[in-house]
C-alpha cells in the first residue's frame, strides 16, 4: 500500500485513510461503523476510479470486500444501508455496476454469472416502465436481461434475429417485455413470448415470424 498520505479521517458512517506508492498509485482503506470491518479500495484501478467518480462512500457506501478476482476479471461489492452495488471489471467491458438486490442481478447470477453470460457491458438502463442490462462474454457473445414489474426478468441473445426483430418493430412500446427467456425448441427453432401476448419464432428457413 505504501506510506500514509493523510491522517485517518472520520467520514459519515465510518473512517478512511489513504496510502500511496512511489509510483503515485493510491489505496484507500475504509472502516464501516455498521459492520465493524475494514476493506481496501485500489484507487488506481478501474473499479476504484469509478467508485470515486460516482460519489464514493457517500453514494455507494462502504466496501464489504476487497477487490477480488472473479472469472476473467474483478469484482468489488459496496453497501449503503439496504442498497448493495456490485462493481465488475473485465478488460473487454471495462467497469460497470449492478444492483445486487435487483431482479436482473438475480437472473444473471442464477444463469451462471460472468462464467456463462459474461460481464456487464452497460450499467442497468431504464426502458419504458422497466429496465435492461447487457452482458458480453470474452468470445463476444452478447445477452440482454430485461425486467418489468409485470414480466420479471428474462434474457435474449442481443445479437440474434429475434432481438433485432423486436427492436425494429416497436420494441417494448409495441410488443412489451419478454415473459420467457429466448428458448431453443426441439425442431431447431428459437422463440420468445412478450407481455403483449405475441410470440416471435425464428426458423432457419422462414426467419422471424409472429
Protein backbone atom coordinates (compact mmCIF):
# COMPACT_ATOMS: atom_id res chain seq x y z
CA UNK A 1 0.00 0.00 0.00
CA UNK A 2 2.92 2.37 0.59
CA UNK A 3 3.03 5.08 3.22
CA UNK A 4 0.03 7.02 4.55
CA UNK A 5 -0.66 10.17 2.55
CA UNK A 6 -3.18 11.55 5.06
CA UNK A 7 -4.25 11.02 8.68
CA UNK A 8 -7.14 8.69 9.37
CA UNK A 9 -10.32 10.75 8.90
CA UNK A 10 -13.83 10.26 10.19
CA UNK A 11 -16.46 10.29 7.44
CA UNK A 12 -20.21 9.67 7.56
CA UNK A 13 -20.67 6.08 8.69
CA UNK A 14 -17.02 5.28 9.35
CA UNK A 15 -13.46 6.30 8.62
CA UNK A 16 -10.90 6.33 5.78
CA UNK A 17 -7.13 6.58 5.38
CA UNK A 18 -5.17 6.71 2.12
CA UNK A 19 -1.79 5.20 1.34
CA UNK A 20 0.46 5.86 -1.64
CA UNK A 21 3.26 4.11 -3.50
CA UNK A 22 6.17 5.93 -5.10
CA UNK A 23 4.50 5.17 -8.45
CA UNK A 24 1.67 7.52 -7.49
CA UNK A 25 -0.87 4.73 -7.09
CA UNK A 26 -3.09 5.08 -4.04
CA UNK A 27 -5.23 2.76 -1.95
CA UNK A 28 -7.98 3.93 0.39
CA UNK A 29 -8.72 1.76 3.42
CA UNK A 30 -12.26 2.18 4.73
CA UNK A 31 -13.74 1.19 8.08
CA UNK A 32 -17.51 0.92 8.44
CA UNK A 33 -19.16 1.57 11.80
CA UNK A 34 -22.16 -0.61 10.90
CA UNK A 35 -20.09 -3.69 10.05
CA UNK A 36 -17.02 -3.02 12.20
CA UNK A 37 -14.90 -4.25 9.29
CA UNK A 38 -12.15 -2.74 7.19
CA UNK A 39 -11.60 -3.13 3.43
CA UNK A 40 -9.37 -1.55 0.80
CA UNK A 41 -10.28 0.24 -2.43
CA UNK A 42 -7.49 0.32 -5.02
CA UNK A 43 -7.99 3.83 -6.36
CA UNK A 44 -5.51 3.34 -9.21
CA UNK A 45 -7.74 0.64 -10.68
CA UNK A 46 -10.84 0.94 -12.84
CA UNK A 47 -13.21 -0.10 -10.05
CA UNK A 48 -11.73 2.35 -7.54
CA UNK A 49 -11.77 5.12 -10.11
CA UNK A 50 -15.44 4.50 -10.94
CA UNK A 51 -16.31 4.32 -7.23
CA UNK A 52 -14.74 7.71 -6.53
CA UNK A 53 -16.13 9.32 -9.69
CA UNK A 54 -19.64 8.18 -8.75
CA UNK A 55 -19.57 9.68 -5.27
CA UNK A 56 -17.56 7.20 -3.21
CA UNK A 57 -18.89 6.22 0.20
CA UNK A 58 -21.49 9.00 0.10
CA UNK A 59 -23.18 7.35 -2.89
CA UNK A 60 -22.30 3.65 -2.69
CA UNK A 61 -21.48 3.17 0.96
CA UNK A 62 -18.56 1.12 2.22
CA UNK A 63 -16.76 -1.87 0.66
CA UNK A 64 -17.82 -5.22 2.11
CA UNK A 65 -14.84 -6.95 0.49
CA UNK A 66 -11.51 -6.06 -1.04
CA UNK A 67 -11.32 -6.03 -4.84
CA UNK A 68 -11.48 -9.71 -5.74
CA UNK A 69 -10.51 -11.70 -8.83
CA UNK A 70 -13.67 -13.07 -10.43
CA UNK A 71 -13.88 -15.24 -13.56
CA UNK A 72 -11.57 -13.45 -16.04
CA UNK A 73 -11.93 -10.05 -14.39
CA UNK A 74 -12.55 -8.50 -10.98
CA UNK A 75 -15.38 -7.62 -8.60
CA UNK A 76 -15.94 -5.42 -5.57
CA UNK A 77 -19.16 -5.07 -3.57
CA UNK A 78 -20.31 -1.99 -1.63
CA UNK A 79 -23.23 -1.48 0.74
CA UNK A 80 -25.09 1.67 1.68
CA UNK A 81 -27.86 0.70 4.08
CA UNK A 82 -30.13 -1.76 2.27
CA UNK A 83 -28.59 -0.85 -1.10
CA UNK A 84 -25.90 -3.17 -2.46
CA UNK A 85 -23.86 -2.26 -5.54
CA UNK A 86 -21.60 -4.71 -7.36
CA UNK A 87 -18.78 -3.28 -9.47
CA UNK A 88 -17.50 -5.65 -12.17
CA UNK A 89 -14.48 -5.18 -14.42
CA UNK A 90 -13.06 -7.09 -17.37
CA UNK A 91 -10.56 -5.93 -19.99
CA UNK A 92 -13.23 -6.27 -22.71
CA UNK A 93 -16.06 -4.42 -20.95
CA UNK A 94 -14.43 -2.02 -18.50
CA UNK A 95 -16.21 -1.36 -15.20
CA UNK A 96 -19.99 -1.45 -14.84
CA UNK A 97 -22.39 -1.57 -11.93
CA UNK A 98 -25.14 -3.98 -10.91
CA UNK A 99 -27.86 -3.64 -8.29
CA UNK A 100 -27.02 -6.56 -6.02
CA UNK A 101 -30.58 -6.62 -4.66
CA UNK A 102 -32.26 -6.43 -8.07
CA UNK A 103 -34.05 -8.95 -10.27
CA UNK A 104 -31.60 -8.54 -13.17
CA UNK A 105 -28.67 -9.40 -10.92
CA UNK A 106 -30.55 -12.43 -9.56
CA UNK A 107 -31.27 -13.68 -13.10
CA UNK A 108 -27.66 -13.13 -14.20
CA UNK A 109 -26.24 -14.88 -11.13
CA UNK A 110 -28.64 -17.84 -11.39
CA UNK A 111 -27.71 -18.21 -15.07
CA UNK A 112 -24.02 -18.64 -14.23
CA UNK A 113 -22.91 -15.03 -13.90
CA UNK A 114 -19.79 -13.99 -15.79
CA UNK A 115 -18.81 -17.64 -16.34
CA UNK A 116 -21.85 -18.10 -18.61
CA UNK A 117 -23.27 -14.72 -19.71
CA UNK A 118 -20.10 -12.67 -19.37
CA UNK A 119 -19.51 -9.35 -17.63
CA UNK A 120 -21.90 -6.38 -17.75
CA UNK A 121 -21.11 -4.23 -20.77
CA UNK A 122 -23.53 -1.50 -19.66
CA UNK A 123 -24.96 -0.30 -16.37
CA UNK A 124 -28.63 -1.10 -15.76
CA UNK A 125 -30.67 1.21 -18.03
CA UNK A 126 -34.27 2.41 -17.81
CA UNK A 127 -36.52 1.44 -20.74
CA UNK A 128 -40.28 2.14 -20.89
CA UNK A 129 -41.61 1.07 -17.47
CA UNK A 130 -38.78 -1.35 -16.83
CA UNK A 131 -35.04 -1.76 -17.25
CA UNK A 132 -32.37 -3.66 -19.19
CA UNK A 133 -28.71 -4.56 -18.78
CA UNK A 134 -26.39 -6.07 -21.37
CA UNK A 135 -23.60 -8.61 -20.88
CA UNK A 136 -20.67 -9.74 -23.05
CA UNK A 137 -18.51 -12.84 -22.89
CA UNK A 138 -14.80 -12.99 -23.71
CA UNK A 139 -15.74 -14.70 -27.00
CA UNK A 140 -18.02 -11.79 -27.98
CA UNK A 141 -21.46 -13.32 -27.32
CA UNK A 142 -23.94 -10.75 -26.01
CA UNK A 143 -27.03 -11.19 -23.85
CA UNK A 144 -29.59 -8.68 -22.61
CA UNK A 145 -31.67 -9.17 -19.48
CA UNK A 146 -34.92 -7.19 -19.39
CA UNK A 147 -37.08 -6.54 -16.34
CA UNK A 148 -40.53 -5.07 -15.78
CA UNK A 149 -42.87 -5.35 -12.77
CA UNK A 150 -45.29 -7.38 -14.91
CA UNK A 151 -42.86 -9.79 -16.59
CA UNK A 152 -39.98 -10.15 -14.13
CA UNK A 153 -36.51 -10.69 -15.65
CA UNK A 154 -35.80 -12.63 -18.84
CA UNK A 155 -32.88 -12.86 -21.24
CA UNK A 156 -32.40 -12.75 -25.02
CA UNK A 157 -29.45 -13.05 -27.36
CA UNK A 158 -28.88 -9.37 -28.10
CA UNK A 159 -27.16 -10.20 -31.37
CA UNK A 160 -29.88 -12.57 -32.55
CA UNK A 161 -32.67 -12.27 -35.12
CA UNK A 162 -35.43 -12.30 -32.50
CA UNK A 163 -33.92 -9.34 -30.68
CA UNK A 164 -33.39 -7.38 -33.91
CA UNK A 165 -36.99 -8.01 -34.99
CA UNK A 166 -38.31 -6.94 -31.59
CA UNK A 167 -36.33 -3.67 -31.63
CA UNK A 168 -37.25 -2.81 -35.24
CA UNK A 169 -40.96 -3.46 -34.63
CA UNK A 170 -41.65 -1.14 -31.73
CA UNK A 171 -39.53 -2.74 -29.01
CA UNK A 172 -41.14 -2.57 -25.54
CA UNK A 173 -43.64 0.09 -26.69
CA UNK A 174 -45.30 -2.38 -29.07
CA UNK A 175 -44.60 -5.98 -28.07
CA UNK A 176 -43.88 -5.30 -24.42
CA UNK A 177 -41.32 -7.14 -22.28
CA UNK A 178 -40.31 -10.79 -22.63
CA UNK A 179 -42.21 -13.16 -20.35
CA UNK A 180 -39.91 -16.06 -21.25
CA UNK A 181 -36.21 -16.37 -21.94
CA UNK A 182 -35.26 -16.89 -25.57
CA UNK A 183 -35.53 -20.66 -25.83
CA UNK A 184 -34.36 -23.32 -28.24
CA UNK A 185 -37.10 -25.68 -29.40
CA UNK A 186 -36.77 -29.38 -30.36
CA UNK A 187 -37.34 -28.56 -34.05
CA UNK A 188 -34.30 -26.26 -34.14
CA UNK A 189 -36.29 -23.05 -33.94
CA UNK A 190 -35.98 -20.33 -31.30
CA UNK A 191 -38.85 -18.44 -29.68
CA UNK A 192 -39.73 -15.84 -27.07
CA UNK A 193 -43.10 -14.57 -25.77
CA UNK A 194 -43.90 -10.99 -24.74
CA UNK A 195 -46.35 -9.28 -22.37
CA UNK A 196 -48.46 -8.24 -25.39
CA UNK A 197 -49.27 -11.92 -25.88
CA UNK A 198 -47.19 -12.10 -29.07
CA UNK A 199 -44.70 -14.91 -29.59
CA UNK A 200 -41.80 -14.44 -32.00
CA UNK A 201 -40.37 -17.60 -33.57
CA UNK A 202 -37.25 -17.93 -35.69
CA UNK A 203 -36.51 -20.78 -38.09
CA UNK A 204 -33.57 -21.20 -40.42
CA UNK A 205 -35.88 -21.35 -43.47
CA UNK A 206 -38.51 -18.79 -42.54
CA UNK A 207 -36.65 -16.27 -40.41
CA UNK A 208 -38.69 -14.50 -37.72
CA UNK A 209 -42.44 -14.95 -37.70
CA UNK A 210 -45.11 -13.57 -35.37
